[in-house]
């Protein structure tokens, strides 16, 4: 479990790192820290203030299907956790409510998967998800003891499979 001073220190490190990266990329912006409500995840959201960005700049930083913001988030987690003995701290990068809106979409996809596997008793594959999104859906299904999920394939064609747990 990470202590409050460690949480603050890691969060501030992430804020400084992302602010400098955005500056180097030509997108100077203020980055705000929003600590995760769920302390079991040990992380923070780095929220990019987009008030001075044009719609084109927001789209460029988000990328098609979130590929750019996902890459920035992966880079943040890789670089900022390299010195830690465990990967217990997780950064989420948010821009223009992209993550919040995507979460709604992911929950809808998960509900569709539950309905399908329950009705058809067949596996349901979910494609075109980033590693972080697959992780979110795996976590979503932890509340459904009759459902199991696993990932198959190799990047960039890795996908998530949802199915009913087999009776033992």
C-alpha atoms as a PDB file:
ATOM      1  CA  UNK A   1       0.000   0.000   0.000  1.00  0.00           C
ATOM      2  CA  UNK A   2       1.350   3.381  -0.968  1.00  0.00           C
ATOM      3  CA  UNK A   3       1.509   6.076   1.703  1.00  0.00           C
ATOM      4  CA  UNK A   4      -0.087   9.504   1.343  1.00  0.00           C
ATOM      5  CA  UNK A   5       3.297  11.277   0.943  1.00  0.00           C
ATOM      6  CA  UNK A   6       4.338   8.727  -1.717  1.00  0.00           C
ATOM      7  CA  UNK A   7       1.016   9.223  -3.514  1.00  0.00           C
ATOM      8  CA  UNK A   8       1.520  12.992  -3.510  1.00  0.00           C
ATOM      9  CA  UNK A   9       5.134  12.648  -4.664  1.00  0.00           C
ATOM     10  CA  UNK A  10       4.269  10.283  -7.542  1.00  0.00           C
ATOM     11  CA  UNK A  11       1.320  12.467  -8.564  1.00  0.00           C
ATOM     12  CA  UNK A  12       3.486  15.606  -8.619  1.00  0.00           C
ATOM     13  CA  UNK A  13       6.159  13.751 -10.608  1.00  0.00           C
ATOM     14  CA  UNK A  14       3.527  12.792 -13.179  1.00  0.00           C
ATOM     15  CA  UNK A  15       2.171  16.337 -13.358  1.00  0.00           C
ATOM     16  CA  UNK A  16       5.642  17.792 -13.964  1.00  0.00           C
ATOM     17  CA  UNK A  17       6.564  15.088 -16.504  1.00  0.00           C
ATOM     18  CA  UNK A  18       3.374  15.507 -18.561  1.00  0.00           C
ATOM     19  CA  UNK A  19       3.577  19.314 -18.475  1.00  0.00           C
ATOM     20  CA  UNK A  20       7.140  19.165 -19.823  1.00  0.00           C
ATOM     21  CA  UNK A  21       6.254  16.568 -22.467  1.00  0.00           C
ATOM     22  CA  UNK A  22       3.317  18.634 -23.724  1.00  0.00           C
ATOM     23  CA  UNK A  23       5.563  21.702 -23.867  1.00  0.00           C
ATOM     24  CA  UNK A  24       8.148  19.796 -25.945  1.00  0.00           C
ATOM     25  CA  UNK A  25       5.391  18.583 -28.281  1.00  0.00           C
ATOM     26  CA  UNK A  26       4.209  22.161 -28.819  1.00  0.00           C
ATOM     27  CA  UNK A  27       1.082  21.873 -26.669  1.00  0.00           C
ATOM     28  CA  UNK A  28       1.791  24.026 -23.613  1.00  0.00           C
ATOM     29  CA  UNK A  29      -0.903  23.344 -21.050  1.00  0.00           C
ATOM     30  CA  UNK A  30      -1.640  23.229 -17.364  1.00  0.00           C
ATOM     31  CA  UNK A  31      -1.909  19.695 -15.974  1.00  0.00           C
ATOM     32  CA  UNK A  32      -4.031  19.119 -12.879  1.00  0.00           C
ATOM     33  CA  UNK A  33      -3.885  16.134 -10.534  1.00  0.00           C
ATOM     34  CA  UNK A  34      -7.000  14.232  -9.565  1.00  0.00           C
ATOM     35  CA  UNK A  35      -6.222  11.383  -7.170  1.00  0.00           C
ATOM     36  CA  UNK A  36      -8.121   8.155  -7.711  1.00  0.00           C
ATOM     37  CA  UNK A  37     -11.169   7.640  -5.509  1.00  0.00           C
ATOM     38  CA  UNK A  38     -10.336   3.940  -5.285  1.00  0.00           C
ATOM     39  CA  UNK A  39      -7.135   3.812  -3.210  1.00  0.00           C
ATOM     40  CA  UNK A  40      -6.684   0.103  -3.995  1.00  0.00           C
ATOM     41  CA  UNK A  41      -5.578   1.159  -7.485  1.00  0.00           C
ATOM     42  CA  UNK A  42      -2.932   3.594  -6.193  1.00  0.00           C
ATOM     43  CA  UNK A  43      -2.865   6.163  -8.897  1.00  0.00           C
ATOM     44  CA  UNK A  44      -3.893   9.531 -10.160  1.00  0.00           C
ATOM     45  CA  UNK A  45      -5.493  11.147 -13.144  1.00  0.00           C
ATOM     46  CA  UNK A  46      -3.443  13.772 -14.918  1.00  0.00           C
ATOM     47  CA  UNK A  47      -6.027  16.106 -16.395  1.00  0.00           C
ATOM     48  CA  UNK A  48      -4.856  18.274 -19.285  1.00  0.00           C
ATOM     49  CA  UNK A  49      -6.500  21.705 -19.225  1.00  0.00           C
ATOM     50  CA  UNK A  50      -7.599  22.068 -22.840  1.00  0.00           C
ATOM     51  CA  UNK A  51      -9.208  25.505 -22.507  1.00  0.00           C
ATOM     52  CA  UNK A  52      -6.545  27.089 -24.748  1.00  0.00           C
ATOM     53  CA  UNK A  53      -6.555  24.284 -27.337  1.00  0.00           C
ATOM     54  CA  UNK A  54      -8.353  24.368 -30.662  1.00  0.00           C
ATOM     55  CA  UNK A  55     -10.604  21.422 -31.596  1.00  0.00           C
ATOM     56  CA  UNK A  56      -7.851  20.324 -34.009  1.00  0.00           C
ATOM     57  CA  UNK A  57      -5.277  20.274 -31.185  1.00  0.00           C
ATOM     58  CA  UNK A  58      -7.603  18.283 -28.930  1.00  0.00           C
ATOM     59  CA  UNK A  59      -8.182  15.767 -31.729  1.00  0.00           C
ATOM     60  CA  UNK A  60      -4.438  15.538 -32.413  1.00  0.00           C
ATOM     61  CA  UNK A  61      -3.662  14.815 -28.748  1.00  0.00           C
ATOM     62  CA  UNK A  62      -6.523  12.327 -28.453  1.00  0.00           C
ATOM     63  CA  UNK A  63      -5.855  10.611 -31.783  1.00  0.00           C
ATOM     64  CA  UNK A  64      -8.098   8.359 -33.816  1.00  0.00           C
ATOM     65  CA  UNK A  65      -9.870   5.957 -31.440  1.00  0.00           C
ATOM     66  CA  UNK A  66      -7.794   7.407 -28.564  1.00  0.00           C
ATOM     67  CA  UNK A  67      -4.533   5.979 -29.875  1.00  0.00           C
ATOM     68  CA  UNK A  68      -2.454   9.084 -29.050  1.00  0.00           C
ATOM     69  CA  UNK A  69      -3.801   9.641 -25.539  1.00  0.00           C
ATOM     70  CA  UNK A  70      -3.384   5.894 -24.887  1.00  0.00           C
ATOM     71  CA  UNK A  71       0.218   6.103 -26.079  1.00  0.00           C
ATOM     72  CA  UNK A  72       0.872   9.105 -23.804  1.00  0.00           C
ATOM     73  CA  UNK A  73      -0.651   7.207 -20.883  1.00  0.00           C
ATOM     74  CA  UNK A  74       1.427   4.100 -21.618  1.00  0.00           C
ATOM     75  CA  UNK A  75       4.557   6.229 -21.885  1.00  0.00           C
ATOM     76  CA  UNK A  76       3.763   7.936 -18.579  1.00  0.00           C
ATOM     77  CA  UNK A  77       3.264   4.623 -16.795  1.00  0.00           C
ATOM     78  CA  UNK A  78       6.399   3.104 -18.299  1.00  0.00           C
ATOM     79  CA  UNK A  79       8.697   6.073 -17.695  1.00  0.00           C
ATOM     80  CA  UNK A  80       7.377   7.182 -14.323  1.00  0.00           C
ATOM     81  CA  UNK A  81       7.262   3.704 -12.792  1.00  0.00           C
ATOM     82  CA  UNK A  82      10.700   2.568 -14.000  1.00  0.00           C
ATOM     83  CA  UNK A  83      12.316   3.453 -10.658  1.00  0.00           C
ATOM     84  CA  UNK A  84       9.671   1.692  -8.554  1.00  0.00           C
ATOM     85  CA  UNK A  85      10.227  -1.843  -7.288  1.00  0.00           C
ATOM     86  CA  UNK A  86       6.613  -2.694  -8.127  1.00  0.00           C
ATOM     87  CA  UNK A  87       4.246  -1.300 -10.730  1.00  0.00           C
ATOM     88  CA  UNK A  88       1.750  -0.343  -8.067  1.00  0.00           C
ATOM     89  CA  UNK A  89       1.127   3.222  -9.260  1.00  0.00           C
ATOM     90  CA  UNK A  90      -1.077   3.924 -12.253  1.00  0.00           C
ATOM     91  CA  UNK A  91      -1.438   7.164 -14.209  1.00  0.00           C
ATOM     92  CA  UNK A  92      -4.557   7.970 -16.211  1.00  0.00           C
ATOM     93  CA  UNK A  93      -4.288  10.835 -18.679  1.00  0.00           C
ATOM     94  CA  UNK A  94      -7.547  12.680 -19.280  1.00  0.00           C
ATOM     95  CA  UNK A  95      -8.281  15.257 -21.971  1.00  0.00           C
ATOM     96  CA  UNK A  96     -11.644  16.825 -22.765  1.00  0.00           C
ATOM     97  CA  UNK A  97     -13.490  14.067 -20.819  1.00  0.00           C
ATOM     98  CA  UNK A  98     -12.285  11.425 -23.306  1.00  0.00           C
ATOM     99  CA  UNK A  99     -11.741   8.783 -20.587  1.00  0.00           C
ATOM    100  CA  UNK A 100     -15.080   9.475 -18.900  1.00  0.00           C
ATOM    101  CA  UNK A 101     -16.957   9.224 -22.198  1.00  0.00           C
ATOM    102  CA  UNK A 102     -15.004   6.128 -23.234  1.00  0.00           C
ATOM    103  CA  UNK A 103     -15.838   4.497 -19.884  1.00  0.00           C
ATOM    104  CA  UNK A 104     -19.552   4.808 -20.718  1.00  0.00           C
ATOM    105  CA  UNK A 105     -18.928   3.121 -24.082  1.00  0.00           C
ATOM    106  CA  UNK A 106     -16.875   0.330 -22.471  1.00  0.00           C
ATOM    107  CA  UNK A 107     -19.603  -0.355 -19.903  1.00  0.00           C
ATOM    108  CA  UNK A 108     -22.153  -0.591 -22.725  1.00  0.00           C
ATOM    109  CA  UNK A 109     -19.909  -3.053 -24.592  1.00  0.00           C
ATOM    110  CA  UNK A 110     -19.534  -5.106 -21.384  1.00  0.00           C
ATOM    111  CA  UNK A 111     -23.311  -5.182 -20.858  1.00  0.00           C
ATOM    112  CA  UNK A 112     -23.782  -6.331 -24.470  1.00  0.00           C
ATOM    113  CA  UNK A 113     -21.254  -9.106 -23.857  1.00  0.00           C
ATOM    114  CA  UNK A 114     -23.097 -10.242 -20.710  1.00  0.00           C
ATOM    115  CA  UNK A 115     -26.408 -10.311 -22.568  1.00  0.00           C
ATOM    116  CA  UNK A 116     -24.882 -12.263 -25.452  1.00  0.00           C
ATOM    117  CA  UNK A 117     -23.065 -14.936 -23.428  1.00  0.00           C
ATOM    118  CA  UNK A 118     -26.082 -15.387 -21.157  1.00  0.00           C
ATOM    119  CA  UNK A 119     -28.528 -15.753 -24.042  1.00  0.00           C
ATOM    120  CA  UNK A 120     -26.354 -17.797 -26.420  1.00  0.00           C
ATOM    121  CA  UNK A 121     -24.062 -19.670 -24.002  1.00  0.00           C
ATOM    122  CA  UNK A 122     -21.193 -18.818 -26.394  1.00  0.00           C
ATOM    123  CA  UNK A 123     -17.960 -16.851 -26.093  1.00  0.00           C
ATOM    124  CA  UNK A 124     -18.090 -13.173 -27.040  1.00  0.00           C
ATOM    125  CA  UNK A 125     -14.989 -11.467 -28.452  1.00  0.00           C
ATOM    126  CA  UNK A 126     -14.312  -7.777 -27.992  1.00  0.00           C
ATOM    127  CA  UNK A 127     -11.786  -6.384 -30.445  1.00  0.00           C
ATOM    128  CA  UNK A 128     -10.128  -3.013 -30.968  1.00  0.00           C
ATOM    129  CA  UNK A 129      -9.376  -2.278 -27.322  1.00  0.00           C
ATOM    130  CA  UNK A 130      -6.163  -0.860 -25.939  1.00  0.00           C
ATOM    131  CA  UNK A 131      -4.391  -2.772 -23.182  1.00  0.00           C
ATOM    132  CA  UNK A 132      -5.727  -0.258 -20.640  1.00  0.00           C
ATOM    133  CA  UNK A 133      -9.286  -0.718 -21.919  1.00  0.00           C
ATOM    134  CA  UNK A 134      -8.964  -4.515 -21.758  1.00  0.00           C
ATOM    135  CA  UNK A 135      -7.801  -4.127 -18.158  1.00  0.00           C
ATOM    136  CA  UNK A 136     -10.848  -1.937 -17.389  1.00  0.00           C
ATOM    137  CA  UNK A 137     -13.218  -4.527 -18.804  1.00  0.00           C
ATOM    138  CA  UNK A 138     -11.480  -7.369 -16.931  1.00  0.00           C
ATOM    139  CA  UNK A 139     -11.972  -5.330 -13.738  1.00  0.00           C
ATOM    140  CA  UNK A 140     -15.610  -4.575 -14.620  1.00  0.00           C
ATOM    141  CA  UNK A 141     -16.357  -8.308 -14.829  1.00  0.00           C
ATOM    142  CA  UNK A 142     -14.879  -8.996 -11.384  1.00  0.00           C
ATOM    143  CA  UNK A 143     -18.364  -8.148 -10.058  1.00  0.00           C
ATOM    144  CA  UNK A 144     -19.913 -10.960 -12.134  1.00  0.00           C
ATOM    145  CA  UNK A 145     -18.918 -14.307 -10.602  1.00  0.00           C
ATOM    146  CA  UNK A 146     -20.598 -16.321 -13.380  1.00  0.00           C
ATOM    147  CA  UNK A 147     -18.524 -14.591 -16.096  1.00  0.00           C
ATOM    148  CA  UNK A 148     -14.841 -14.965 -16.907  1.00  0.00           C
ATOM    149  CA  UNK A 149     -12.639 -12.944 -19.223  1.00  0.00           C
ATOM    150  CA  UNK A 150      -9.246 -13.480 -20.784  1.00  0.00           C
ATOM    151  CA  UNK A 151      -7.191 -11.938 -23.543  1.00  0.00           C
ATOM    152  CA  UNK A 152      -6.020 -13.765 -26.645  1.00  0.00           C
ATOM    153  CA  UNK A 153      -3.740 -12.961 -29.552  1.00  0.00           C
ATOM    154  CA  UNK A 154      -0.703 -10.765 -29.862  1.00  0.00           C
ATOM    155  CA  UNK A 155      -0.553  -6.988 -30.120  1.00  0.00           C
ATOM    156  CA  UNK A 156      -1.777  -5.183 -32.118  1.00  0.00           C
ATOM    157  CA  UNK A 157      -4.461  -7.829 -32.733  1.00  0.00           C
ATOM    158  CA  UNK A 158      -4.978  -8.826 -29.095  1.00  0.00           C
ATOM    159  CA  UNK A 159      -8.614  -9.081 -28.046  1.00  0.00           C
ATOM    160  CA  UNK A 160     -10.711  -9.856 -24.997  1.00  0.00           C
ATOM    161  CA  UNK A 161     -12.971 -12.905 -24.681  1.00  0.00           C
ATOM    162  CA  UNK A 162     -15.983 -13.016 -22.375  1.00  0.00           C
ATOM    163  CA  UNK A 163     -17.672 -16.288 -21.463  1.00  0.00           C
ATOM    164  CA  UNK A 164     -19.731 -18.012 -18.836  1.00  0.00           C
ATOM    165  CA  UNK A 165     -17.692 -19.817 -16.209  1.00  0.00           C
ATOM    166  CA  UNK A 166     -17.920 -23.542 -16.590  1.00  0.00           C
ATOM    167  CA  UNK A 167     -19.506 -25.501 -13.743  1.00  0.00           C
ATOM    168  CA  UNK A 168     -17.014 -27.573 -11.836  1.00  0.00           C
END
